[in-house]
Amino acid sequence: MIAVNKCNNKITLKVLRKRLKMNQTQFAETLGVRRSTISEWETGVHKPSLSIEQVKVLDKLLGQVNLRFEDLPDDIAS
């Protein structure tokens, strides 16, 4: 069973990051963004805007925790 946000029963970037056992810095380095960007995405300050390369990386990360893009909500940030 995958971890989900208990407040609204959906997978968020923060839930995904924690499921991957990564801190914000590690997750940021993996996606090629700043740690502050990850924080802004997780808190809803900004919505993620990913390049094709970042989408491919995210797809690999999802596979590591037995998830697919289809499992994600339309608004994964918050």
PDB file of N, CA and C in Angstrom:
ATOM      1  N   MET A   1       0.846  -1.186   0.000  1.00  0.00           N
ATOM      2  CA  MET A   1       0.000   0.000   0.000  1.00  0.00           C
ATOM      3  C   MET A   1       0.886   1.244   0.000  1.00  0.00           C
ATOM      4  N   ILE A   2       0.505   2.233  -0.762  1.00  0.00           N
ATOM      5  CA  ILE A   2       1.281   3.461  -0.852  1.00  0.00           C
ATOM      6  C   ILE A   2       0.832   4.457   0.205  1.00  0.00           C
ATOM      7  N   ALA A   3       1.759   5.312   0.579  1.00  0.00           N
ATOM      8  CA  ALA A   3       1.423   6.363   1.542  1.00  0.00           C
ATOM      9  C   ALA A   3       0.632   7.448   0.840  1.00  0.00           C
ATOM     10  N   VAL A   4      -0.367   7.953   1.513  1.00  0.00           N
ATOM     11  CA  VAL A   4      -1.154   9.052   0.959  1.00  0.00           C
ATOM     12  C   VAL A   4      -1.316  10.131   2.008  1.00  0.00           C
ATOM     13  N   ASN A   5      -1.656  11.313   1.548  1.00  0.00           N
ATOM     14  CA  ASN A   5      -1.914  12.427   2.444  1.00  0.00           C
ATOM     15  C   ASN A   5      -3.190  12.113   3.220  1.00  0.00           C
ATOM     16  N   LYS A   6      -3.089  11.996   4.531  1.00  0.00           N
ATOM     17  CA  LYS A   6      -4.245  11.596   5.332  1.00  0.00           C
ATOM     18  C   LYS A   6      -5.349  12.636   5.358  1.00  0.00           C
ATOM     19  N   CYS A   7      -4.995  13.899   5.103  1.00  0.00           N
ATOM     20  CA  CYS A   7      -6.011  14.949   5.129  1.00  0.00           C
ATOM     21  C   CYS A   7      -6.998  14.805   3.984  1.00  0.00           C
ATOM     22  N   ASN A   8      -6.505  14.474   2.813  1.00  0.00           N
ATOM     23  CA  ASN A   8      -7.408  14.413   1.669  1.00  0.00           C
ATOM     24  C   ASN A   8      -7.206  13.168   0.819  1.00  0.00           C
ATOM     25  N   ASN A   9      -6.467  12.188   1.338  1.00  0.00           N
ATOM     26  CA  ASN A   9      -6.342  10.887   0.685  1.00  0.00           C
ATOM     27  C   ASN A   9      -5.746  10.962  -0.712  1.00  0.00           C
ATOM     28  N   LYS A  10      -4.754  11.819  -0.926  1.00  0.00           N
ATOM     29  CA  LYS A  10      -4.124  11.871  -2.241  1.00  0.00           C
ATOM     30  C   LYS A  10      -2.611  11.919  -2.110  1.00  0.00           C
ATOM     31  N   ILE A  11      -1.961  11.537  -3.161  1.00  0.00           N
ATOM     32  CA  ILE A  11      -0.514  11.542  -3.201  1.00  0.00           C
ATOM     33  C   ILE A  11      -0.053  12.945  -3.580  1.00  0.00           C
ATOM     34  N   THR A  12       0.837  13.503  -2.796  1.00  0.00           N
ATOM     35  CA  THR A  12       1.389  14.818  -3.094  1.00  0.00           C
ATOM     36  C   THR A  12       2.894  14.666  -3.313  1.00  0.00           C
ATOM     37  N   LEU A  13       3.536  15.726  -3.776  1.00  0.00           N
ATOM     38  CA  LEU A  13       4.988  15.676  -3.943  1.00  0.00           C
ATOM     39  C   LEU A  13       5.676  15.376  -2.616  1.00  0.00           C
ATOM     40  N   LYS A  14       5.184  15.955  -1.545  1.00  0.00           N
ATOM     41  CA  LYS A  14       5.789  15.717  -0.235  1.00  0.00           C
ATOM     42  C   LYS A  14       5.639  14.260   0.169  1.00  0.00           C
ATOM     43  N   VAL A  15       4.474  13.690  -0.048  1.00  0.00           N
ATOM     44  CA  VAL A  15       4.243  12.286   0.271  1.00  0.00           C
ATOM     45  C   VAL A  15       5.156  11.410  -0.584  1.00  0.00           C
ATOM     46  N   LEU A  16       5.250  11.727  -1.873  1.00  0.00           N
ATOM     47  CA  LEU A  16       6.129  10.971  -2.766  1.00  0.00           C
ATOM     48  C   LEU A  16       7.577  11.071  -2.294  1.00  0.00           C
ATOM     49  N   ARG A  17       8.021  12.277  -1.975  1.00  0.00           N
ATOM     50  CA  ARG A  17       9.395  12.482  -1.515  1.00  0.00           C
ATOM     51  C   ARG A  17       9.680  11.675  -0.256  1.00  0.00           C
ATOM     52  N   LYS A  18       8.763  11.696   0.690  1.00  0.00           N
ATOM     53  CA  LYS A  18       8.952  10.947   1.929  1.00  0.00           C
ATOM     54  C   LYS A  18       8.932   9.441   1.672  1.00  0.00           C
ATOM     55  N   ARG A  19       8.074   9.019   0.765  1.00  0.00           N
ATOM     56  CA  ARG A  19       8.013   7.595   0.400  1.00  0.00           C
ATOM     57  C   ARG A  19       9.342   7.139  -0.210  1.00  0.00           C
ATOM     58  N   LEU A  20      10.002   8.051  -0.917  1.00  0.00           N
ATOM     59  CA  LEU A  20      11.310   7.769  -1.511  1.00  0.00           C
ATOM     60  C   LEU A  20      12.441   7.896  -0.491  1.00  0.00           C
ATOM     61  N   LYS A  21      12.088   8.293   0.744  1.00  0.00           N
ATOM     62  CA  LYS A  21      13.055   8.501   1.821  1.00  0.00           C
ATOM     63  C   LYS A  21      14.111   9.537   1.435  1.00  0.00           C
ATOM     64  N   MET A  22      13.637  10.609   0.807  1.00  0.00           N
ATOM     65  CA  MET A  22      14.510  11.715   0.412  1.00  0.00           C
ATOM     66  C   MET A  22      14.150  12.960   1.203  1.00  0.00           C
ATOM     67  N   ASN A  23      15.168  13.768   1.502  1.00  0.00           N
ATOM     68  CA  ASN A  23      14.869  15.081   2.062  1.00  0.00           C
ATOM     69  C   ASN A  23      14.680  16.050   0.896  1.00  0.00           C
ATOM     70  N   GLN A  24      14.321  17.286   1.201  1.00  0.00           N
ATOM     71  CA  GLN A  24      14.056  18.251   0.126  1.00  0.00           C
ATOM     72  C   GLN A  24      15.289  18.504  -0.733  1.00  0.00           C
ATOM     73  N   THR A  25      16.457  18.526  -0.127  1.00  0.00           N
ATOM     74  CA  THR A  25      17.691  18.766  -0.880  1.00  0.00           C
ATOM     75  C   THR A  25      17.959  17.628  -1.861  1.00  0.00           C
ATOM     76  N   GLN A  26      17.821  16.401  -1.413  1.00  0.00           N
ATOM     77  CA  GLN A  26      18.041  15.245  -2.289  1.00  0.00           C
ATOM     78  C   GLN A  26      17.033  15.223  -3.431  1.00  0.00           C
ATOM     79  N   PHE A  27      15.779  15.489  -3.104  1.00  0.00           N
ATOM     80  CA  PHE A  27      14.721  15.493  -4.119  1.00  0.00           C
ATOM     81  C   PHE A  27      14.992  16.593  -5.143  1.00  0.00           C
ATOM     82  N   ALA A  28      15.408  17.757  -4.655  1.00  0.00           N
ATOM     83  CA  ALA A  28      15.718  18.882  -5.543  1.00  0.00           C
ATOM     84  C   ALA A  28      16.878  18.542  -6.472  1.00  0.00           C
ATOM     85  N   GLU A  29      17.932  17.960  -5.930  1.00  0.00           N
ATOM     86  CA  GLU A  29      19.085  17.586  -6.750  1.00  0.00           C
ATOM     87  C   GLU A  29      18.693  16.569  -7.816  1.00  0.00           C
ATOM     88  N   THR A  30      17.850  15.627  -7.451  1.00  0.00           N
ATOM     89  CA  THR A  30      17.404  14.604  -8.393  1.00  0.00           C
ATOM     90  C   THR A  30      16.616  15.215  -9.541  1.00  0.00           C
ATOM     91  N   LEU A  31      15.785  16.214  -9.228  1.00  0.00           N
ATOM     92  CA  LEU A  31      14.968  16.860 -10.261  1.00  0.00           C
ATOM     93  C   LEU A  31      15.672  18.041 -10.931  1.00  0.00           C
ATOM     94  N   GLY A  32      16.822  18.419 -10.402  1.00  0.00           N
ATOM     95  CA  GLY A  32      17.566  19.528 -10.996  1.00  0.00           C
ATOM     96  C   GLY A  32      16.987  20.900 -10.702  1.00  0.00           C
ATOM     97  N   VAL A  33      16.447  21.052  -9.490  1.00  0.00           N
ATOM     98  CA  VAL A  33      15.908  22.343  -9.057  1.00  0.00           C
ATOM     99  C   VAL A  33      16.517  22.693  -7.697  1.00  0.00           C
ATOM    100  N   ARG A  34      16.232  23.905  -7.216  1.00  0.00           N
ATOM    101  CA  ARG A  34      16.705  24.320  -5.893  1.00  0.00           C
ATOM    102  C   ARG A  34      15.827  23.702  -4.803  1.00  0.00           C
ATOM    103  N   ARG A  35      16.406  23.559  -3.626  1.00  0.00           N
ATOM    104  CA  ARG A  35      15.641  23.048  -2.493  1.00  0.00           C
ATOM    105  C   ARG A  35      14.464  23.962  -2.193  1.00  0.00           C
ATOM    106  N   SER A  36      14.675  25.252  -2.336  1.00  0.00           N
ATOM    107  CA  SER A  36      13.593  26.201  -2.067  1.00  0.00           C
ATOM    108  C   SER A  36      12.431  26.003  -3.046  1.00  0.00           C
ATOM    109  N   THR A  37      12.732  25.564  -4.250  1.00  0.00           N
ATOM    110  CA  THR A  37      11.671  25.286  -5.229  1.00  0.00           C
ATOM    111  C   THR A  37      10.805  24.130  -4.748  1.00  0.00           C
ATOM    112  N   ILE A  38      11.441  23.087  -4.237  1.00  0.00           N
ATOM    113  CA  ILE A  38      10.686  21.944  -3.700  1.00  0.00           C
ATOM    114  C   ILE A  38       9.796  22.417  -2.557  1.00  0.00           C
ATOM    115  N   SER A  39      10.339  23.233  -1.673  1.00  0.00           N
ATOM    116  CA  SER A  39       9.560  23.769  -0.558  1.00  0.00           C
ATOM    117  C   SER A  39       8.360  24.563  -1.061  1.00  0.00           C
ATOM    118  N   GLU A  40       8.576  25.399  -2.062  1.00  0.00           N
ATOM    119  CA  GLU A  40       7.481  26.207  -2.616  1.00  0.00           C
ATOM    120  C   GLU A  40       6.420  25.328  -3.273  1.00  0.00           C
ATOM    121  N   TRP A  41       6.833  24.261  -3.931  1.00  0.00           N
ATOM    122  CA  TRP A  41       5.865  23.333  -4.531  1.00  0.00           C
ATOM    123  C   TRP A  41       5.058  22.631  -3.441  1.00  0.00           C
ATOM    124  N   GLU A  42       5.765  22.161  -2.411  1.00  0.00           N
ATOM    125  CA  GLU A  42       5.096  21.402  -1.354  1.00  0.00           C
ATOM    126  C   GLU A  42       4.135  22.256  -0.534  1.00  0.00           C
ATOM    127  N   THR A  43       4.438  23.518  -0.384  1.00  0.00           N
ATOM    128  CA  THR A  43       3.571  24.393   0.412  1.00  0.00           C
ATOM    129  C   THR A  43       2.519  25.108  -0.427  1.00  0.00           C
ATOM    130  N   GLY A  44       2.565  24.911  -1.734  1.00  0.00           N
ATOM    131  CA  GLY A  44       1.561  25.505  -2.607  1.00  0.00           C
ATOM    132  C   GLY A  44       1.849  26.940  -3.012  1.00  0.00           C
ATOM    133  N   VAL A  45       3.036  27.447  -2.688  1.00  0.00           N
ATOM    134  CA  VAL A  45       3.403  28.804  -3.098  1.00  0.00           C
ATOM    135  C   VAL A  45       3.453  28.883  -4.620  1.00  0.00           C
ATOM    136  N   HIS A  46       4.019  27.858  -5.241  1.00  0.00           N
ATOM    137  CA  HIS A  46       4.081  27.763  -6.702  1.00  0.00           C
ATOM    138  C   HIS A  46       3.683  26.363  -7.132  1.00  0.00           C
ATOM    139  N   LYS A  47       3.126  26.248  -8.323  1.00  0.00           N
ATOM    140  CA  LYS A  47       2.809  24.942  -8.893  1.00  0.00           C
ATOM    141  C   LYS A  47       4.011  24.449  -9.685  1.00  0.00           C
ATOM    142  N   PRO A  48       4.251  23.134  -9.672  1.00  0.00           N
ATOM    143  CA  PRO A  48       5.382  22.596 -10.428  1.00  0.00           C
ATOM    144  C   PRO A  48       5.236  22.852 -11.926  1.00  0.00           C
ATOM    145  N   SER A  49       6.346  23.187 -12.527  1.00  0.00           N
ATOM    146  CA  SER A  49       6.440  23.319 -13.973  1.00  0.00           C
ATOM    147  C   SER A  49       7.670  22.512 -14.369  1.00  0.00           C
ATOM    148  N   LEU A  50       7.449  21.335 -14.941  1.00  0.00           N
ATOM    149  CA  LEU A  50       8.542  20.403 -15.197  1.00  0.00           C
ATOM    150  C   LEU A  50       8.903  20.323 -16.669  1.00  0.00           C
ATOM    151  N   SER A  51      10.199  20.184 -16.928  1.00  0.00           N
ATOM    152  CA  SER A  51      10.676  19.949 -18.289  1.00  0.00           C
ATOM    153  C   SER A  51      10.452  18.469 -18.627  1.00  0.00           C
ATOM    154  N   ILE A  52      10.611  18.128 -19.880  1.00  0.00           N
ATOM    155  CA  ILE A  52      10.478  16.725 -20.290  1.00  0.00           C
ATOM    156  C   ILE A  52      11.488  15.863 -19.535  1.00  0.00           C
ATOM    157  N   GLU A  53      12.707  16.342 -19.400  1.00  0.00           N
ATOM    158  CA  GLU A  53      13.738  15.600 -18.669  1.00  0.00           C
ATOM    159  C   GLU A  53      13.309  15.356 -17.224  1.00  0.00           C
ATOM    160  N   GLN A  54      12.743  16.373 -16.587  1.00  0.00           N
ATOM    161  CA  GLN A  54      12.282  16.232 -15.205  1.00  0.00           C
ATOM    162  C   GLN A  54      11.101  15.272 -15.111  1.00  0.00           C
ATOM    163  N   VAL A  55      10.234  15.278 -16.098  1.00  0.00           N
ATOM    164  CA  VAL A  55       9.105  14.345 -16.122  1.00  0.00           C
ATOM    165  C   VAL A  55       9.627  12.914 -16.195  1.00  0.00           C
ATOM    166  N   LYS A  56      10.653  12.690 -16.998  1.00  0.00           N
ATOM    167  CA  LYS A  56      11.241  11.349 -17.106  1.00  0.00           C
ATOM    168  C   LYS A  56      11.853  10.911 -15.779  1.00  0.00           C
ATOM    169  N   VAL A  57      12.528  11.832 -15.104  1.00  0.00           N
ATOM    170  CA  VAL A  57      13.100  11.529 -13.793  1.00  0.00           C
ATOM    171  C   VAL A  57      11.982  11.214 -12.806  1.00  0.00           C
ATOM    172  N   LEU A  58      10.930  12.016 -12.808  1.00  0.00           N
ATOM    173  CA  LEU A  58       9.800  11.789 -11.915  1.00  0.00           C
ATOM    174  C   LEU A  58       9.159  10.435 -12.195  1.00  0.00           C
ATOM    175  N   ASP A  59       9.064  10.059 -13.455  1.00  0.00           N
ATOM    176  CA  ASP A  59       8.512   8.758 -13.824  1.00  0.00           C
ATOM    177  C   ASP A  59       9.346   7.624 -13.222  1.00  0.00           C
ATOM    178  N   LYS A  60      10.662   7.746 -13.279  1.00  0.00           N
ATOM    179  CA  LYS A  60      11.539   6.730 -12.679  1.00  0.00           C
ATOM    180  C   LYS A  60      11.355   6.676 -11.167  1.00  0.00           C
ATOM    181  N   LEU A  61      11.239   7.849 -10.541  1.00  0.00           N
ATOM    182  CA  LEU A  61      11.027   7.895  -9.096  1.00  0.00           C
ATOM    183  C   LEU A  61       9.704   7.237  -8.717  1.00  0.00           C
ATOM    184  N   LEU A  62       8.673   7.511  -9.489  1.00  0.00           N
ATOM    185  CA  LEU A  62       7.370   6.893  -9.233  1.00  0.00           C
ATOM    186  C   LEU A  62       7.481   5.377  -9.310  1.00  0.00           C
ATOM    187  N   GLY A  63       8.219   4.882 -10.294  1.00  0.00           N
ATOM    188  CA  GLY A  63       8.404   3.443 -10.450  1.00  0.00           C
ATOM    189  C   GLY A  63       9.076   2.805  -9.248  1.00  0.00           C
ATOM    190  N   GLN A  64       9.941   3.545  -8.573  1.00  0.00           N
ATOM    191  CA  GLN A  64      10.634   3.023  -7.399  1.00  0.00           C
ATOM    192  C   GLN A  64       9.683   2.741  -6.244  1.00  0.00           C
ATOM    193  N   VAL A  65       8.536   3.397  -6.241  1.00  0.00           N
ATOM    194  CA  VAL A  65       7.549   3.179  -5.178  1.00  0.00           C
ATOM    195  C   VAL A  65       6.251   2.600  -5.751  1.00  0.00           C
ATOM    196  N   ASN A  66       6.385   1.926  -6.895  1.00  0.00           N
ATOM    197  CA  ASN A  66       5.258   1.230  -7.532  1.00  0.00           C
ATOM    198  C   ASN A  66       4.076   2.136  -7.846  1.00  0.00           C
ATOM    199  N   LEU A  67       4.369   3.328  -8.336  1.00  0.00           N
ATOM    200  CA  LEU A  67       3.332   4.261  -8.760  1.00  0.00           C
ATOM    201  C   LEU A  67       3.519   4.587 -10.230  1.00  0.00           C
ATOM    202  N   ARG A  68       2.451   5.084 -10.836  1.00  0.00           N
ATOM    203  CA  ARG A  68       2.477   5.557 -12.220  1.00  0.00           C
ATOM    204  C   ARG A  68       1.881   6.955 -12.237  1.00  0.00           C
ATOM    205  N   PHE A  69       2.099   7.675 -13.330  1.00  0.00           N
ATOM    206  CA  PHE A  69       1.517   9.010 -13.437  1.00  0.00           C
ATOM    207  C   PHE A  69       0.002   8.964 -13.279  1.00  0.00           C
ATOM    208  N   GLU A  70      -0.620   7.914 -13.746  1.00  0.00           N
ATOM    209  CA  GLU A  70      -2.076   7.788 -13.648  1.00  0.00           C
ATOM    210  C   GLU A  70      -2.556   7.747 -12.200  1.00  0.00           C
ATOM    211  N   ASP A  71      -1.651   7.398 -11.281  1.00  0.00           N
ATOM    212  CA  ASP A  71      -2.005   7.324  -9.862  1.00  0.00           C
ATOM    213  C   ASP A  71      -2.008   8.693  -9.186  1.00  0.00           C
ATOM    214  N   LEU A  72      -1.456   9.691  -9.860  1.00  0.00           N
ATOM    215  CA  LEU A  72      -1.327  11.018  -9.266  1.00  0.00           C
ATOM    216  C   LEU A  72      -2.550  11.882  -9.532  1.00  0.00           C
ATOM    217  N   PRO A  73      -2.878  12.762  -8.595  1.00  0.00           N
ATOM    218  CA  PRO A  73      -3.972  13.710  -8.837  1.00  0.00           C
ATOM    219  C   PRO A  73      -3.514  14.786  -9.820  1.00  0.00           C
ATOM    220  N   ASP A  74      -4.451  15.504 -10.387  1.00  0.00           N
ATOM    221  CA  ASP A  74      -4.103  16.585 -11.311  1.00  0.00           C
ATOM    222  C   ASP A  74      -3.284  17.669 -10.626  1.00  0.00           C
ATOM    223  N   ASP A  75      -3.537  17.895  -9.348  1.00  0.00           N
ATOM    224  CA  ASP A  75      -2.789  18.897  -8.591  1.00  0.00           C
ATOM    225  C   ASP A  75      -1.918  18.183  -7.567  1.00  0.00           C
ATOM    226  N   ILE A  76      -0.748  17.752  -7.996  1.00  0.00           N
ATOM    227  CA  ILE A  76       0.138  16.974  -7.126  1.00  0.00           C
ATOM    228  C   ILE A  76       0.844  17.830  -6.083  1.00  0.00           C
ATOM    229  N   ALA A  77       0.898  19.120  -6.298  1.00  0.00           N
ATOM    230  CA  ALA A  77       1.683  19.993  -5.422  1.00  0.00           C
ATOM    231  C   ALA A  77       1.111  20.096  -4.017  1.00  0.00           C
ATOM    232  N   SER A  78      -0.187  20.292  -3.913  1.00  0.00           N
ATOM    233  CA  SER A  78      -0.733  20.553  -2.572  1.00  0.00           C
ATOM    234  C   SER A  78      -1.689  19.478  -2.128  1.00  0.00           C
TER     235      SER A  78
END
